[in-house]
Amino acid sequence: MEWTKNVSDLKNQLIATVADRMSTTVHKATSISEEYLGDLLGDRFQDTVLLRYFGLTKIPLLFLVSPRVLGVSGDGSAVRIPLNRMTRNHLGSMYFGTLAIGADCVVALLAMHFIKESGKEISLVFKDFRANFLKRAEDDVVFTCDQGGEVKKLVDEAIATGERVSGPISAHAQNATGAQEVVAEFVLTLSLKIKTAKH
């Protein structure tokens, strides 16, 4: 009968549509898995593990805010810190102490990148810290520093002179999602000195 044929055709179309969507979903899931595994085995994961291990063994507060390295190169660095029970204040936004840790972390990470490249032992500290808090950070926050050239010059100067050298390095923080508005700006004076052999 005609209606039976129509129902049968509709059923076959429905099966084909579902199968096609399942295939698309599996393909997307596979792509996501490959991307996740690439990230898991890549530099970002390794840098995150090293950063958190350093925090655990040297600076426990750094470890407690769970920083995740998004990238570090000769141009700059980026770190993400989640908004959670450990990092928020009484108003539910990111505590300004956490924001300070993020700024410290992203600039130090960039400096360590160049120190590692140099093959030298160089001590790293911050002489001062200035912050301009623009608005409440009500989401995870991404900290970035794009002054790779300036940081490298300081590292090279510290090696060439053997003296302590210092210079201002800028960083900023922005919401990780949504409008990704800048919530804070920082200027840290990075101070470097090559370590001398002890006799």
Protein backbone atom coordinates (compact mmCIF):
# COMPACT_ATOMS: atom_id res chain seq x y z
CA MET A 1 0.00 0.00 0.00
CA GLU A 2 1.13 3.57 -0.67
CA TRP A 3 1.10 4.71 2.97
CA THR A 4 3.17 1.65 3.91
CA LYS A 5 5.75 2.58 1.29
CA ASN A 6 5.84 6.18 2.58
CA VAL A 7 6.33 5.01 6.15
CA SER A 8 9.06 2.63 5.04
CA ASP A 9 10.80 5.44 3.11
CA LEU A 10 10.50 7.76 6.10
CA LYS A 11 11.95 5.07 8.37
CA ASN A 12 14.91 4.55 6.03
CA GLN A 13 15.51 8.32 5.85
CA LEU A 14 15.39 8.56 9.64
CA ILE A 15 17.88 5.69 10.02
CA ALA A 16 20.20 7.30 7.46
CA THR A 17 19.99 10.69 9.21
CA VAL A 18 20.69 9.19 12.64
CA ALA A 19 23.60 7.16 11.25
CA ASP A 20 25.03 10.25 9.56
CA ARG A 21 24.78 12.30 12.77
CA MET A 22 26.33 9.49 14.81
CA SER A 23 29.19 9.32 12.34
CA THR A 24 29.67 13.09 12.59
CA THR A 25 29.60 12.92 16.40
CA VAL A 26 32.16 10.10 16.46
CA HIS A 27 34.39 12.04 14.05
CA LYS A 28 34.18 15.15 16.24
CA ALA A 29 34.86 13.11 19.36
CA THR A 30 37.88 11.55 17.67
CA SER A 31 39.16 14.99 16.66
CA ILE A 32 38.67 16.29 20.19
CA SER A 33 40.46 13.25 21.60
CA GLU A 34 43.38 13.73 19.23
CA GLU A 35 43.56 17.43 20.14
CA TYR A 36 43.37 16.58 23.85
CA LEU A 37 46.08 13.92 23.56
CA GLY A 38 48.25 16.34 21.58
CA ASP A 39 47.86 18.88 24.36
CA LEU A 40 48.40 16.19 27.01
CA LEU A 41 51.67 15.06 25.50
CA GLY A 42 52.77 18.48 24.27
CA ASP A 43 54.80 21.32 25.72
CA ARG A 44 51.83 22.99 27.41
CA PHE A 45 51.16 19.95 29.57
CA GLN A 46 54.82 19.48 30.42
CA ASP A 47 55.23 23.19 31.25
CA THR A 48 52.13 23.03 33.46
CA VAL A 49 53.45 19.99 35.33
CA LEU A 50 56.84 21.65 35.88
CA LEU A 51 55.22 24.91 37.01
CA ARG A 52 52.98 23.15 39.51
CA TYR A 53 55.83 20.98 40.77
CA PHE A 54 57.89 24.13 41.32
CA GLY A 55 54.95 25.60 43.20
CA LEU A 56 54.48 22.47 45.30
CA THR A 57 58.14 22.31 46.30
CA LYS A 58 59.09 26.01 46.42
CA ILE A 59 56.00 28.27 46.50
CA PRO A 60 52.94 26.39 47.85
CA LEU A 61 50.56 29.32 47.17
CA LEU A 62 51.42 29.04 43.47
CA PHE A 63 50.51 25.36 43.51
CA LEU A 64 47.20 26.02 45.28
CA VAL A 65 45.84 28.31 42.55
CA SER A 66 46.28 25.55 39.91
CA PRO A 67 47.90 27.55 37.09
CA ARG A 68 47.79 26.07 33.59
CA VAL A 69 50.34 27.09 30.97
CA LEU A 70 48.66 28.05 27.69
CA GLY A 71 51.90 28.82 25.92
CA VAL A 72 55.41 30.17 26.23
CA SER A 73 57.72 31.25 23.40
CA GLY A 74 60.22 33.90 22.47
CA ASP A 75 57.35 36.34 21.93
CA GLY A 76 55.47 35.92 25.16
CA SER A 77 53.67 33.68 27.62
CA ALA A 78 50.14 32.95 28.80
CA VAL A 79 48.80 31.26 31.93
CA ARG A 80 45.23 30.47 32.98
CA ILE A 81 44.04 30.35 36.59
CA PRO A 82 40.58 28.97 37.40
CA LEU A 83 38.02 30.80 39.49
CA ASN A 84 37.15 28.41 42.30
CA ARG A 85 36.85 28.14 46.06
CA MET A 86 40.61 28.55 46.51
CA THR A 87 40.98 31.61 44.27
CA ARG A 88 37.86 33.71 44.82
CA ASN A 89 37.02 36.35 47.40
CA HIS A 90 33.90 36.89 49.51
CA LEU A 91 32.12 38.51 46.55
CA GLY A 92 32.66 35.53 44.26
CA SER A 93 35.22 37.23 42.00
CA MET A 94 38.90 36.42 41.79
CA TYR A 95 40.83 37.49 44.88
CA PHE A 96 43.37 40.22 44.13
CA GLY A 97 46.09 38.10 45.74
CA THR A 98 45.38 35.41 43.12
CA LEU A 99 45.63 38.02 40.38
CA ALA A 100 49.02 39.06 41.76
CA ILE A 101 50.19 35.42 41.71
CA GLY A 102 49.09 35.11 38.07
CA ALA A 103 51.02 38.23 37.04
CA ASP A 104 54.14 37.03 38.88
CA CYS A 105 53.78 33.61 37.29
CA VAL A 106 53.37 34.71 33.66
CA VAL A 107 56.37 37.08 33.72
CA ALA A 108 58.61 34.65 35.63
CA LEU A 109 57.66 31.86 33.20
CA LEU A 110 58.81 33.98 30.26
CA ALA A 111 62.07 34.88 32.01
CA MET A 112 62.73 31.22 32.83
CA HIS A 113 62.19 30.36 29.17
CA PHE A 114 65.12 32.59 28.16
CA ILE A 115 67.25 31.59 31.14
CA LYS A 116 66.84 27.94 30.16
CA GLU A 117 67.78 28.77 26.56
CA SER A 118 70.94 30.55 27.73
CA GLY A 119 72.20 27.53 29.64
CA LYS A 120 73.30 29.81 32.49
CA GLU A 121 72.27 29.84 36.14
CA ILE A 122 70.54 33.15 36.78
CA SER A 123 68.67 34.22 39.90
CA LEU A 124 65.30 35.84 39.33
CA VAL A 125 63.39 38.16 41.67
CA PHE A 126 60.94 41.05 41.38
CA LYS A 127 61.98 44.39 42.86
CA ASP A 128 58.53 45.94 42.81
CA PHE A 129 54.99 45.36 41.66
CA ARG A 130 52.35 47.78 40.42
CA ALA A 131 48.76 46.84 39.63
CA ASN A 132 45.72 48.57 38.22
CA PHE A 133 42.55 46.59 38.95
CA LEU A 134 40.00 47.64 36.33
CA LYS A 135 37.00 45.47 37.17
CA ARG A 136 35.95 42.33 39.01
CA ALA A 137 37.15 39.06 37.48
CA GLU A 138 34.09 36.80 37.64
CA ASP A 139 35.48 33.98 35.50
CA ASP A 140 38.68 32.03 34.99
CA VAL A 141 41.44 34.51 34.17
CA VAL A 142 44.10 34.39 31.46
CA PHE A 143 47.35 36.24 32.22
CA THR A 144 49.55 37.27 29.31
CA CYS A 145 52.93 38.90 28.85
CA ASP A 146 54.01 39.81 25.32
CA GLN A 147 57.34 41.42 26.15
CA GLY A 148 59.60 38.58 25.14
CA GLY A 149 62.07 40.92 23.46
CA GLU A 150 62.49 43.04 26.58
CA VAL A 151 62.90 40.03 28.84
CA LYS A 152 65.52 38.49 26.53
CA LYS A 153 67.52 41.74 26.55
CA LEU A 154 67.62 41.66 30.35
CA VAL A 155 68.80 38.03 30.34
CA ASP A 156 71.51 38.80 27.76
CA GLU A 157 72.61 41.87 29.71
CA ALA A 158 72.82 39.94 32.97
CA ILE A 159 75.06 37.35 31.29
CA ALA A 160 77.25 39.95 29.53
CA THR A 161 77.84 42.20 32.54
CA GLY A 162 77.74 39.74 35.42
CA GLU A 163 75.90 42.45 37.32
CA ARG A 164 72.32 42.59 38.57
CA VAL A 165 70.07 44.16 35.94
CA SER A 166 66.46 45.27 36.27
CA GLY A 167 63.69 46.46 34.00
CA PRO A 168 59.90 46.96 33.99
CA ILE A 169 57.83 44.21 32.36
CA SER A 170 54.12 44.58 31.66
CA ALA A 171 51.42 41.93 31.89
CA HIS A 172 47.65 41.95 31.86
CA ALA A 173 44.75 39.75 32.94
CA GLN A 174 41.48 39.17 31.13
CA ASN A 175 38.39 37.01 31.53
CA ALA A 176 38.87 33.65 29.86
CA THR A 177 35.40 33.54 28.27
CA GLY A 178 32.63 35.86 27.17
CA ALA A 179 33.77 39.36 26.21
CA GLN A 180 37.28 38.52 27.45
CA GLU A 181 37.59 41.99 28.96
CA VAL A 182 40.84 43.10 30.55
CA VAL A 183 40.33 43.05 34.33
CA ALA A 184 43.77 44.11 35.52
CA GLU A 185 47.08 45.52 34.29
CA PHE A 186 50.45 45.01 35.93
CA VAL A 187 54.01 46.31 35.77
CA LEU A 188 56.65 44.19 37.51
CA THR A 189 60.30 45.16 37.80
CA LEU A 190 62.19 42.02 36.84
CA SER A 191 65.65 41.73 38.42
CA LEU A 192 68.24 39.22 37.20
CA LYS A 193 71.78 38.30 38.19
CA ILE A 194 73.97 35.49 36.96
CA LYS A 195 74.99 33.12 39.74
CA THR A 196 78.70 32.95 40.49
CA ALA A 197 80.51 29.78 41.48
CA LYS A 198 81.07 29.42 45.22
CA HIS A 199 84.62 28.70 46.32
